[in-house]
Amino acid sequence: MLSAQDLPIASFETGIEPHPWFALRVRSNYERVTVTHLRERGYEQFAPSYKIEKRWSDRTKQIDQFLFPGYLFCRFDPNDRLPILTAPGVVDVVGFGKTPERIPDSEVERVRRMVESGLLVTPYPYVQVGQPVLIERGPLSGVEGILVEVKGKVRLVVSVNLLRRSVSAEVDRDSIRPIQTLSIDLGRSDLGRR
């Protein structure tokens, strides 16, 4: 059985196009259980997380929280969903009606790059309009997103449009370059209204 890390490499080497990404809605607090079962079944899955400090009366500890609570991403053949739907915790495949909706590889890859960058990454309210930028230097070099300012600091926001969820990472103002078009749908609402 291939591990999650082997799947993209094996697909590349054999010339077989990998299956598209889909979002799975999972029961509350079942993300870890579902990820484990999907991995054991040979599926490439991605459940991005970030660290927060949790305080108890006698101690403080860093714990992992999921960036998209109640959701995770998985590559699979949409015509063969039964093994996915029978994994513990899976409620449904996100889509329209009974048709699963693909998530563009670029959206998942942007989130993956942010999580793996080592920067502080946190959930961010979904935004549709803002200044589209490209990061030119640093761990997020080449990543496109929307530039926002939070508490005097500049952050890059990337979105998974189907889930209407976003994540943000603090970036250096000197490493960004404005761009004219962005490969994600920016919508029409005004960022200032949120």
N, C-alpha and C. Protein backbone atom coordinates (compact mmCIF):
# COMPACT_ATOMS: atom_id res chain seq x y z
N MET A 1 0.85 -1.17 0.00
CA MET A 1 0.00 0.00 0.00
C MET A 1 0.89 1.23 0.00
N LEU A 2 0.54 2.24 -0.81
CA LEU A 2 1.31 3.47 -0.87
C LEU A 2 0.98 4.36 0.30
N SER A 3 2.01 5.04 0.82
CA SER A 3 1.74 6.04 1.86
C SER A 3 1.29 7.32 1.19
N ALA A 4 0.79 8.26 2.00
CA ALA A 4 0.32 9.53 1.45
C ALA A 4 1.44 10.27 0.75
N GLN A 5 2.67 10.14 1.26
CA GLN A 5 3.80 10.82 0.65
C GLN A 5 4.16 10.18 -0.69
N ASP A 6 3.93 8.90 -0.86
CA ASP A 6 4.30 8.21 -2.08
C ASP A 6 3.34 8.47 -3.24
N LEU A 7 2.09 8.80 -2.95
CA LEU A 7 1.10 8.91 -4.00
C LEU A 7 1.44 9.90 -5.09
N PRO A 8 1.79 11.18 -4.78
CA PRO A 8 2.07 12.10 -5.87
C PRO A 8 3.29 11.68 -6.68
N ILE A 9 4.32 11.13 -6.01
CA ILE A 9 5.53 10.71 -6.69
C ILE A 9 5.21 9.53 -7.61
N ALA A 10 4.49 8.54 -7.07
CA ALA A 10 4.14 7.37 -7.87
C ALA A 10 3.31 7.79 -9.08
N SER A 11 2.38 8.72 -8.88
CA SER A 11 1.55 9.18 -9.98
C SER A 11 2.39 9.88 -11.03
N PHE A 12 3.36 10.67 -10.60
CA PHE A 12 4.23 11.40 -11.52
C PHE A 12 5.09 10.44 -12.32
N GLU A 13 5.67 9.46 -11.63
CA GLU A 13 6.57 8.52 -12.29
C GLU A 13 5.85 7.65 -13.31
N THR A 14 4.61 7.29 -13.04
CA THR A 14 3.89 6.41 -13.96
C THR A 14 3.14 7.21 -15.02
N GLY A 15 3.11 8.52 -14.90
CA GLY A 15 2.42 9.35 -15.87
C GLY A 15 0.92 9.40 -15.65
N ILE A 16 0.46 8.80 -14.57
CA ILE A 16 -0.97 8.80 -14.26
C ILE A 16 -1.30 10.11 -13.55
N GLU A 17 -2.31 10.78 -14.04
CA GLU A 17 -2.75 12.04 -13.43
C GLU A 17 -3.36 11.73 -12.05
N PRO A 18 -2.95 12.45 -10.99
CA PRO A 18 -3.54 12.18 -9.68
C PRO A 18 -5.02 12.58 -9.68
N HIS A 19 -5.78 11.93 -8.83
CA HIS A 19 -7.19 12.29 -8.69
C HIS A 19 -7.29 13.71 -8.15
N PRO A 20 -8.42 14.38 -8.39
CA PRO A 20 -8.58 15.74 -7.88
C PRO A 20 -8.79 15.75 -6.36
N TRP A 21 -8.59 16.93 -5.78
CA TRP A 21 -8.87 17.14 -4.36
C TRP A 21 -10.36 17.38 -4.17
N PHE A 22 -10.87 16.85 -3.08
CA PHE A 22 -12.24 17.12 -2.65
C PHE A 22 -12.20 17.45 -1.16
N ALA A 23 -13.19 18.20 -0.71
CA ALA A 23 -13.31 18.48 0.72
C ALA A 23 -14.30 17.49 1.32
N LEU A 24 -13.95 16.95 2.47
CA LEU A 24 -14.84 16.05 3.19
C LEU A 24 -15.33 16.76 4.44
N ARG A 25 -16.61 16.69 4.67
CA ARG A 25 -17.16 17.20 5.92
C ARG A 25 -17.14 16.04 6.91
N VAL A 26 -16.56 16.28 8.09
CA VAL A 26 -16.43 15.22 9.08
C VAL A 26 -17.10 15.62 10.38
N ARG A 27 -17.44 14.62 11.17
CA ARG A 27 -18.06 14.87 12.47
C ARG A 27 -17.13 15.70 13.33
N SER A 28 -17.70 16.44 14.25
CA SER A 28 -16.93 17.28 15.15
C SER A 28 -15.88 16.46 15.91
N ASN A 29 -14.66 16.94 15.90
CA ASN A 29 -13.52 16.32 16.58
C ASN A 29 -13.14 14.94 16.04
N TYR A 30 -13.51 14.63 14.80
CA TYR A 30 -13.15 13.36 14.17
C TYR A 30 -12.06 13.52 13.12
N GLU A 31 -11.51 14.72 12.97
CA GLU A 31 -10.53 14.96 11.91
C GLU A 31 -9.35 13.98 12.00
N ARG A 32 -8.77 13.81 13.19
CA ARG A 32 -7.61 12.93 13.34
C ARG A 32 -7.96 11.46 13.04
N VAL A 33 -9.10 11.01 13.53
CA VAL A 33 -9.53 9.63 13.30
C VAL A 33 -9.74 9.39 11.81
N THR A 34 -10.40 10.32 11.15
CA THR A 34 -10.69 10.17 9.72
C THR A 34 -9.39 10.19 8.91
N VAL A 35 -8.49 11.09 9.23
CA VAL A 35 -7.20 11.16 8.53
C VAL A 35 -6.46 9.83 8.65
N THR A 36 -6.44 9.26 9.84
CA THR A 36 -5.75 7.99 10.06
C THR A 36 -6.35 6.88 9.21
N HIS A 37 -7.67 6.79 9.18
CA HIS A 37 -8.33 5.74 8.39
C HIS A 37 -8.11 5.93 6.89
N LEU A 38 -8.18 7.18 6.42
CA LEU A 38 -7.95 7.43 4.99
C LEU A 38 -6.52 7.09 4.61
N ARG A 39 -5.56 7.43 5.47
CA ARG A 39 -4.15 7.10 5.21
C ARG A 39 -3.97 5.59 5.13
N GLU A 40 -4.59 4.86 6.08
CA GLU A 40 -4.49 3.40 6.08
C GLU A 40 -5.12 2.78 4.84
N ARG A 41 -6.11 3.45 4.26
CA ARG A 41 -6.76 2.95 3.05
C ARG A 41 -6.00 3.37 1.78
N GLY A 42 -4.90 4.12 1.95
CA GLY A 42 -4.05 4.49 0.82
C GLY A 42 -4.41 5.78 0.13
N TYR A 43 -5.22 6.62 0.75
CA TYR A 43 -5.61 7.88 0.13
C TYR A 43 -4.69 9.01 0.58
N GLU A 44 -4.42 9.93 -0.35
CA GLU A 44 -3.69 11.14 0.00
C GLU A 44 -4.69 12.09 0.66
N GLN A 45 -4.38 12.52 1.86
CA GLN A 45 -5.28 13.40 2.59
C GLN A 45 -4.48 14.57 3.15
N PHE A 46 -5.18 15.64 3.50
CA PHE A 46 -4.53 16.83 4.02
C PHE A 46 -5.51 17.50 4.99
N ALA A 47 -5.10 17.58 6.24
CA ALA A 47 -5.89 18.24 7.28
C ALA A 47 -4.99 19.27 7.95
N PRO A 48 -4.88 20.47 7.35
CA PRO A 48 -3.92 21.45 7.85
C PRO A 48 -4.26 21.91 9.27
N SER A 49 -3.21 22.11 10.06
CA SER A 49 -3.40 22.54 11.44
C SER A 49 -2.41 23.63 11.80
N TYR A 50 -2.64 24.25 12.93
CA TYR A 50 -1.75 25.28 13.46
C TYR A 50 -1.68 25.09 14.96
N LYS A 51 -0.70 25.72 15.60
CA LYS A 51 -0.51 25.57 17.04
C LYS A 51 -1.06 26.78 17.78
N ILE A 52 -1.72 26.50 18.91
CA ILE A 52 -2.17 27.57 19.80
C ILE A 52 -1.75 27.20 21.21
N GLU A 53 -1.68 28.22 22.06
CA GLU A 53 -1.38 27.96 23.47
C GLU A 53 -2.69 27.79 24.21
N LYS A 54 -2.81 26.71 24.92
CA LYS A 54 -3.99 26.42 25.72
C LYS A 54 -3.60 26.55 27.18
N ARG A 55 -4.37 27.31 27.93
CA ARG A 55 -4.06 27.54 29.34
C ARG A 55 -5.02 26.77 30.23
N TRP A 56 -4.42 26.09 31.19
CA TRP A 56 -5.18 25.48 32.26
C TRP A 56 -4.76 26.20 33.53
N SER A 57 -5.40 25.90 34.62
CA SER A 57 -5.08 26.60 35.87
C SER A 57 -3.65 26.34 36.32
N ASP A 58 -3.09 25.17 36.01
CA ASP A 58 -1.75 24.84 36.50
C ASP A 58 -0.67 24.83 35.43
N ARG A 59 -1.02 25.02 34.15
CA ARG A 59 0.01 24.95 33.11
C ARG A 59 -0.49 25.56 31.80
N THR A 60 0.46 25.75 30.90
CA THR A 60 0.18 26.20 29.54
C THR A 60 0.82 25.20 28.60
N LYS A 61 0.10 24.84 27.55
CA LYS A 61 0.60 23.83 26.62
C LYS A 61 0.24 24.25 25.20
N GLN A 62 1.14 23.95 24.25
CA GLN A 62 0.83 24.19 22.84
C GLN A 62 0.11 22.98 22.28
N ILE A 63 -1.02 23.22 21.63
CA ILE A 63 -1.78 22.12 21.03
C ILE A 63 -2.07 22.45 19.57
N ASP A 64 -2.31 21.40 18.78
CA ASP A 64 -2.68 21.57 17.38
C ASP A 64 -4.19 21.78 17.26
N GLN A 65 -4.57 22.76 16.45
CA GLN A 65 -5.96 23.01 16.09
C GLN A 65 -6.05 22.91 14.58
N PHE A 66 -7.16 22.49 14.05
CA PHE A 66 -7.32 22.39 12.61
C PHE A 66 -7.69 23.75 12.02
N LEU A 67 -7.09 24.08 10.88
CA LEU A 67 -7.39 25.35 10.21
C LEU A 67 -8.82 25.38 9.69
N PHE A 68 -9.33 24.21 9.28
CA PHE A 68 -10.69 24.12 8.77
C PHE A 68 -11.44 23.08 9.62
N PRO A 69 -11.84 23.46 10.84
CA PRO A 69 -12.51 22.48 11.71
C PRO A 69 -13.75 21.89 11.01
N GLY A 70 -13.85 20.57 11.10
CA GLY A 70 -14.99 19.89 10.48
C GLY A 70 -14.78 19.53 9.02
N TYR A 71 -13.61 19.87 8.48
CA TYR A 71 -13.31 19.56 7.08
C TYR A 71 -11.90 19.03 6.94
N LEU A 72 -11.68 18.22 5.93
CA LEU A 72 -10.33 17.84 5.52
C LEU A 72 -10.37 17.61 4.03
N PHE A 73 -9.19 17.52 3.42
CA PHE A 73 -9.08 17.38 1.99
C PHE A 73 -8.59 15.97 1.66
N CYS A 74 -9.06 15.43 0.55
CA CYS A 74 -8.65 14.09 0.15
C CYS A 74 -8.70 13.99 -1.37
N ARG A 75 -7.70 13.28 -1.93
CA ARG A 75 -7.70 12.99 -3.37
C ARG A 75 -8.34 11.62 -3.59
N PHE A 76 -9.32 11.57 -4.46
CA PHE A 76 -9.94 10.29 -4.78
C PHE A 76 -10.74 10.39 -6.06
N ASP A 77 -11.12 9.24 -6.58
CA ASP A 77 -11.95 9.15 -7.78
C ASP A 77 -13.39 9.42 -7.36
N PRO A 78 -14.03 10.48 -7.87
CA PRO A 78 -15.40 10.79 -7.44
C PRO A 78 -16.41 9.71 -7.83
N ASN A 79 -16.05 8.84 -8.77
CA ASN A 79 -16.94 7.76 -9.16
C ASN A 79 -16.80 6.54 -8.25
N ASP A 80 -15.85 6.59 -7.32
CA ASP A 80 -15.63 5.49 -6.37
C ASP A 80 -15.54 6.09 -4.96
N ARG A 81 -16.67 6.63 -4.49
CA ARG A 81 -16.71 7.34 -3.21
C ARG A 81 -16.97 6.46 -2.00
N LEU A 82 -17.44 5.25 -2.20
CA LEU A 82 -17.85 4.42 -1.07
C LEU A 82 -16.74 4.23 -0.03
N PRO A 83 -15.49 3.93 -0.42
CA PRO A 83 -14.45 3.77 0.60
C PRO A 83 -14.22 5.05 1.40
N ILE A 84 -14.47 6.19 0.80
CA ILE A 84 -14.31 7.47 1.49
C ILE A 84 -15.48 7.68 2.45
N LEU A 85 -16.68 7.48 1.95
CA LEU A 85 -17.88 7.73 2.76
C LEU A 85 -18.03 6.77 3.93
N THR A 86 -17.37 5.60 3.86
CA THR A 86 -17.46 4.64 4.97
C THR A 86 -16.35 4.82 5.99
N ALA A 87 -15.44 5.77 5.77
CA ALA A 87 -14.39 6.03 6.75
C ALA A 87 -15.03 6.63 8.00
N PRO A 88 -14.59 6.24 9.19
CA PRO A 88 -15.17 6.78 10.42
C PRO A 88 -15.10 8.30 10.45
N GLY A 89 -16.22 8.91 10.78
CA GLY A 89 -16.27 10.36 10.92
C GLY A 89 -16.72 11.10 9.69
N VAL A 90 -16.64 10.50 8.50
CA VAL A 90 -17.01 11.21 7.28
C VAL A 90 -18.53 11.36 7.23
N VAL A 91 -18.98 12.60 7.06
CA VAL A 91 -20.41 12.89 6.94
C VAL A 91 -20.80 12.93 5.47
N ASP A 92 -19.98 13.64 4.67
CA ASP A 92 -20.32 13.80 3.26
C ASP A 92 -19.14 14.39 2.52
N VAL A 93 -19.21 14.32 1.20
CA VAL A 93 -18.26 15.01 0.32
C VAL A 93 -18.89 16.35 -0.01
N VAL A 94 -18.15 17.43 0.13
CA VAL A 94 -18.70 18.76 -0.13
C VAL A 94 -18.93 18.92 -1.62
N GLY A 95 -20.11 19.41 -1.97
CA GLY A 95 -20.45 19.62 -3.37
C GLY A 95 -21.80 20.26 -3.49
N PHE A 96 -22.37 20.15 -4.66
CA PHE A 96 -23.67 20.72 -4.94
C PHE A 96 -24.64 19.58 -5.19
N GLY A 97 -25.63 19.44 -4.33
CA GLY A 97 -26.54 18.31 -4.42
C GLY A 97 -25.78 17.03 -4.15
N LYS A 98 -25.89 16.08 -5.04
CA LYS A 98 -25.18 14.81 -4.88
C LYS A 98 -23.89 14.79 -5.69
N THR A 99 -23.51 15.92 -6.27
CA THR A 99 -22.31 15.98 -7.10
C THR A 99 -21.15 16.60 -6.31
N PRO A 100 -20.09 15.82 -6.05
CA PRO A 100 -18.93 16.39 -5.35
C PRO A 100 -18.28 17.49 -6.18
N GLU A 101 -17.81 18.52 -5.54
CA GLU A 101 -17.16 19.63 -6.23
C GLU A 101 -15.66 19.56 -6.00
N ARG A 102 -14.90 19.55 -7.09
CA ARG A 102 -13.44 19.51 -7.01
C ARG A 102 -12.91 20.80 -6.40
N ILE A 103 -11.80 20.69 -5.72
CA ILE A 103 -11.09 21.87 -5.22
C ILE A 103 -9.83 21.99 -6.06
N PRO A 104 -9.59 23.16 -6.64
CA PRO A 104 -8.39 23.32 -7.48
C PRO A 104 -7.12 22.97 -6.70
N ASP A 105 -6.21 22.23 -7.37
CA ASP A 105 -4.93 21.89 -6.75
C ASP A 105 -4.22 23.12 -6.23
N SER A 106 -4.34 24.24 -6.96
CA SER A 106 -3.63 25.47 -6.56
C SER A 106 -4.09 25.97 -5.20
N GLU A 107 -5.38 25.85 -4.88
CA GLU A 107 -5.87 26.31 -3.57
C GLU A 107 -5.32 25.45 -2.45
N VAL A 108 -5.31 24.13 -2.64
CA VAL A 108 -4.78 23.23 -1.62
C VAL A 108 -3.27 23.45 -1.48
N GLU A 109 -2.59 23.63 -2.60
CA GLU A 109 -1.14 23.83 -2.57
C GLU A 109 -0.77 25.13 -1.85
N ARG A 110 -1.55 26.19 -2.04
CA ARG A 110 -1.29 27.45 -1.33
C ARG A 110 -1.38 27.25 0.18
N VAL A 111 -2.44 26.57 0.60
CA VAL A 111 -2.60 26.33 2.04
C VAL A 111 -1.45 25.46 2.55
N ARG A 112 -1.09 24.41 1.79
CA ARG A 112 0.02 23.53 2.19
C ARG A 112 1.32 24.33 2.34
N ARG A 113 1.60 25.20 1.37
CA ARG A 113 2.83 26.01 1.43
C ARG A 113 2.83 26.91 2.66
N MET A 114 1.68 27.47 3.00
CA MET A 114 1.61 28.33 4.18
C MET A 114 1.86 27.52 5.44
N VAL A 115 1.25 26.35 5.56
CA VAL A 115 1.40 25.52 6.75
C VAL A 115 2.85 25.05 6.89
N GLU A 116 3.48 24.68 5.78
CA GLU A 116 4.84 24.17 5.82
C GLU A 116 5.90 25.27 5.90
N SER A 117 5.50 26.53 5.79
CA SER A 117 6.46 27.64 5.77
C SER A 117 7.14 27.89 7.10
N GLY A 118 6.54 27.44 8.19
CA GLY A 118 7.09 27.73 9.50
C GLY A 118 6.61 29.06 10.06
N LEU A 119 5.84 29.81 9.27
CA LEU A 119 5.28 31.08 9.73
C LEU A 119 4.06 30.82 10.60
N LEU A 120 3.66 31.82 11.37
CA LEU A 120 2.45 31.72 12.17
C LEU A 120 1.26 31.76 11.23
N VAL A 121 0.54 30.67 11.13
CA VAL A 121 -0.63 30.55 10.25
C VAL A 121 -1.85 30.37 11.14
N THR A 122 -2.91 31.12 10.85
CA THR A 122 -4.13 31.05 11.65
C THR A 122 -5.34 31.09 10.73
N PRO A 123 -6.50 30.63 11.21
CA PRO A 123 -7.72 30.80 10.41
C PRO A 123 -8.00 32.28 10.24
N TYR A 124 -8.68 32.62 9.17
CA TYR A 124 -9.00 34.01 8.89
C TYR A 124 -10.39 34.04 8.29
N PRO A 125 -11.20 35.05 8.64
CA PRO A 125 -12.54 35.11 8.04
C PRO A 125 -12.43 35.14 6.51
N TYR A 126 -13.31 34.42 5.83
CA TYR A 126 -13.26 34.35 4.37
C TYR A 126 -13.42 35.74 3.80
N VAL A 127 -12.52 36.12 2.91
CA VAL A 127 -12.60 37.42 2.25
C VAL A 127 -12.68 37.22 0.76
N GLN A 128 -13.38 38.11 0.08
CA GLN A 128 -13.51 38.00 -1.36
C GLN A 128 -12.80 39.12 -2.09
N VAL A 129 -12.59 40.23 -1.45
CA VAL A 129 -11.99 41.35 -2.14
C VAL A 129 -10.86 41.89 -1.29
N GLY A 130 -9.78 42.26 -1.92
CA GLY A 130 -8.63 42.85 -1.26
C GLY A 130 -7.56 43.04 -2.30
N GLN A 131 -6.42 43.44 -1.87
CA GLN A 131 -5.31 43.64 -2.79
C GLN A 131 -4.67 42.31 -3.12
N PRO A 132 -4.77 41.84 -4.36
CA PRO A 132 -4.08 40.60 -4.72
C PRO A 132 -2.57 40.84 -4.79
N VAL A 133 -1.81 39.94 -4.19
CA VAL A 133 -0.36 40.08 -4.16
C VAL A 133 0.32 38.76 -4.45
N LEU A 134 1.60 38.85 -4.80
CA LEU A 134 2.46 37.69 -5.01
C LEU A 134 3.63 37.86 -4.06
N ILE A 135 3.97 36.82 -3.32
CA ILE A 135 5.12 36.85 -2.43
C ILE A 135 6.35 36.54 -3.28
N GLU A 136 7.34 37.42 -3.22
CA GLU A 136 8.53 37.27 -4.07
C GLU A 136 9.71 36.62 -3.36
N ARG A 137 9.79 36.73 -2.03
CA ARG A 137 10.93 36.18 -1.29
C ARG A 137 10.45 35.50 -0.03
N GLY A 138 11.29 34.63 0.50
CA GLY A 138 10.98 33.97 1.76
C GLY A 138 10.33 32.62 1.57
N PRO A 139 9.85 32.02 2.68
CA PRO A 139 9.28 30.67 2.61
C PRO A 139 8.01 30.56 1.78
N LEU A 140 7.34 31.68 1.53
CA LEU A 140 6.11 31.65 0.73
C LEU A 140 6.34 32.18 -0.69
N SER A 141 7.57 32.23 -1.13
CA SER A 141 7.91 32.75 -2.46
C SER A 141 7.06 32.06 -3.53
N GLY A 142 6.40 32.87 -4.36
CA GLY A 142 5.58 32.34 -5.44
C GLY A 142 4.11 32.15 -5.08
N VAL A 143 3.75 32.33 -3.82
CA VAL A 143 2.36 32.13 -3.39
C VAL A 143 1.58 33.42 -3.64
N GLU A 144 0.39 33.28 -4.24
CA GLU A 144 -0.51 34.41 -4.47
C GLU A 144 -1.59 34.41 -3.41
N GLY A 145 -2.04 35.58 -3.05
CA GLY A 145 -3.12 35.69 -2.08
C GLY A 145 -3.62 37.12 -2.00
N ILE A 146 -4.33 37.40 -0.95
CA ILE A 146 -4.89 38.73 -0.73
C ILE A 146 -4.17 39.35 0.45
N LEU A 147 -3.78 40.60 0.31
CA LEU A 147 -3.06 41.30 1.36
C LEU A 147 -4.04 42.01 2.28
N VAL A 148 -3.88 41.80 3.59
CA VAL A 148 -4.69 42.50 4.59
C VAL A 148 -3.77 43.00 5.69
N GLU A 149 -4.28 43.92 6.48
CA GLU A 149 -3.52 44.42 7.62
C GLU A 149 -4.30 44.11 8.89
N VAL A 150 -3.63 43.49 9.85
CA VAL A 150 -4.26 43.14 11.12
C VAL A 150 -3.35 43.63 12.24
N LYS A 151 -3.87 44.50 13.08
CA LYS A 151 -3.12 45.04 14.22
C LYS A 151 -1.77 45.60 13.79
N GLY A 152 -1.75 46.32 12.68
CA GLY A 152 -0.54 46.96 12.21
C GLY A 152 0.44 46.03 11.50
N LYS A 153 0.09 44.77 11.34
CA LYS A 153 0.97 43.82 10.66
C LYS A 153 0.33 43.36 9.36
N VAL A 154 1.16 43.10 8.36
CA VAL A 154 0.68 42.68 7.05
C VAL A 154 0.57 41.17 7.03
N ARG A 155 -0.57 40.67 6.50
CA ARG A 155 -0.82 39.24 6.42
C ARG A 155 -1.27 38.89 5.02
N LEU A 156 -0.88 37.68 4.58
CA LEU A 156 -1.32 37.13 3.31
C LEU A 156 -2.48 36.19 3.61
N VAL A 157 -3.58 36.36 2.90
CA VAL A 157 -4.75 35.51 3.08
C VAL A 157 -4.94 34.67 1.82
N VAL A 158 -5.08 33.35 1.98
CA VAL A 158 -5.44 32.47 0.88
C VAL A 158 -6.74 31.77 1.25
N SER A 159 -7.51 31.46 0.24
CA SER A 159 -8.86 30.93 0.48
C SER A 159 -9.10 29.62 -0.24
N VAL A 160 -9.97 28.82 0.35
CA VAL A 160 -10.54 27.65 -0.30
C VAL A 160 -11.97 28.06 -0.59
N ASN A 161 -12.22 28.43 -1.84
CA ASN A 161 -13.49 29.05 -2.20
C ASN A 161 -14.70 28.17 -1.95
N LEU A 162 -14.62 26.87 -2.23
CA LEU A 162 -15.75 25.98 -2.05
C LEU A 162 -16.21 25.96 -0.60
N LEU A 163 -15.25 25.96 0.33
CA LEU A 163 -15.59 25.93 1.75
C LEU A 163 -15.90 27.31 2.31
N ARG A 164 -15.57 28.35 1.54
CA ARG A 164 -15.72 29.75 1.98
C ARG A 164 -14.96 29.93 3.30
N ARG A 165 -13.73 29.43 3.30
CA ARG A 165 -12.83 29.54 4.45
C ARG A 165 -11.49 30.07 3.96
N SER A 166 -10.79 30.75 4.85
CA SER A 166 -9.49 31.32 4.51
C SER A 166 -8.51 31.10 5.64
N VAL A 167 -7.22 31.19 5.32
CA VAL A 167 -6.16 31.16 6.32
C VAL A 167 -5.23 32.32 6.02
N SER A 168 -4.50 32.77 7.05
CA SER A 168 -3.58 33.89 6.85
C SER A 168 -2.25 33.61 7.51
N ALA A 169 -1.21 34.26 6.99
CA ALA A 169 0.13 34.16 7.56
C ALA A 169 0.74 35.55 7.51
N GLU A 170 1.48 35.89 8.55
CA GLU A 170 2.16 37.17 8.59
C GLU A 170 3.31 37.15 7.59
N VAL A 171 3.44 38.22 6.81
CA VAL A 171 4.50 38.30 5.80
C VAL A 171 5.22 39.64 5.93
N ASP A 172 6.40 39.69 5.37
CA ASP A 172 7.19 40.91 5.35
C ASP A 172 6.71 41.80 4.20
N ARG A 173 6.40 43.05 4.50
CA ARG A 173 5.88 43.98 3.51
C ARG A 173 6.83 44.12 2.32
N ASP A 174 8.14 43.98 2.55
CA ASP A 174 9.13 44.14 1.49
C ASP A 174 9.17 42.94 0.55
N SER A 175 8.52 41.84 0.89
CA SER A 175 8.58 40.64 0.04
C SER A 175 7.38 40.50 -0.88
N ILE A 176 6.48 41.47 -0.88
CA ILE A 176 5.25 41.35 -1.67
C ILE A 176 5.28 42.23 -2.91
N ARG A 177 4.57 41.77 -3.93
CA ARG A 177 4.42 42.56 -5.15
C ARG A 177 2.95 42.50 -5.55
N PRO A 178 2.31 43.65 -5.77
CA PRO A 178 0.92 43.64 -6.24
C PRO A 178 0.82 42.97 -7.61
N ILE A 179 -0.27 42.28 -7.84
CA ILE A 179 -0.52 41.66 -9.14
C ILE A 179 -1.89 42.10 -9.63
N GLN A 180 -2.08 42.04 -10.93
CA GLN A 180 -3.33 42.49 -11.53
C GLN A 180 -4.45 41.47 -11.40
N THR A 181 -4.15 40.22 -11.71
CA THR A 181 -5.18 39.19 -11.64
C THR A 181 -4.72 38.11 -10.70
N LEU A 182 -5.66 37.42 -10.13
CA LEU A 182 -5.39 36.36 -9.19
C LEU A 182 -6.17 35.14 -9.65
N SER A 183 -5.59 33.97 -9.49
CA SER A 183 -6.24 32.76 -10.01
C SER A 183 -7.38 32.28 -9.13
N ILE A 184 -7.77 33.06 -8.11
CA ILE A 184 -8.94 32.68 -7.30
C ILE A 184 -10.03 33.70 -7.56
N ASP A 185 -11.27 33.32 -7.33
CA ASP A 185 -12.40 34.20 -7.53
C ASP A 185 -12.46 35.19 -6.38
N LEU A 186 -12.30 36.48 -6.70
CA LEU A 186 -12.30 37.49 -5.66
C LEU A 186 -13.70 37.99 -5.32
N GLY A 187 -14.68 37.69 -6.13
CA GLY A 187 -16.05 38.08 -5.83
C GLY A 187 -16.26 39.57 -5.94
N ARG A 188 -17.37 40.05 -5.36
CA ARG A 188 -17.71 41.46 -5.51
C ARG A 188 -17.91 42.18 -4.19
N SER A 189 -17.93 41.49 -3.07
CA SER A 189 -18.19 42.18 -1.81
C SER A 189 -16.99 43.00 -1.40
N ASP A 190 -17.22 44.02 -0.62
CA ASP A 190 -16.17 44.94 -0.18
C ASP A 190 -15.56 44.44 1.12
N LEU A 191 -14.22 44.30 1.16
CA LEU A 191 -13.52 43.81 2.35
C LEU A 191 -13.82 44.68 3.56
N GLY A 192 -13.98 45.97 3.34
CA GLY A 192 -14.22 46.89 4.45
C GLY A 192 -15.53 46.65 5.16
N ARG A 193 -16.46 45.95 4.54
CA ARG A 193 -17.75 45.69 5.18
C ARG A 193 -17.68 44.58 6.21
N ARG A 194 -16.65 43.75 6.19
CA ARG A 194 -16.57 42.60 7.11
C ARG A 194 -16.07 43.00 8.44
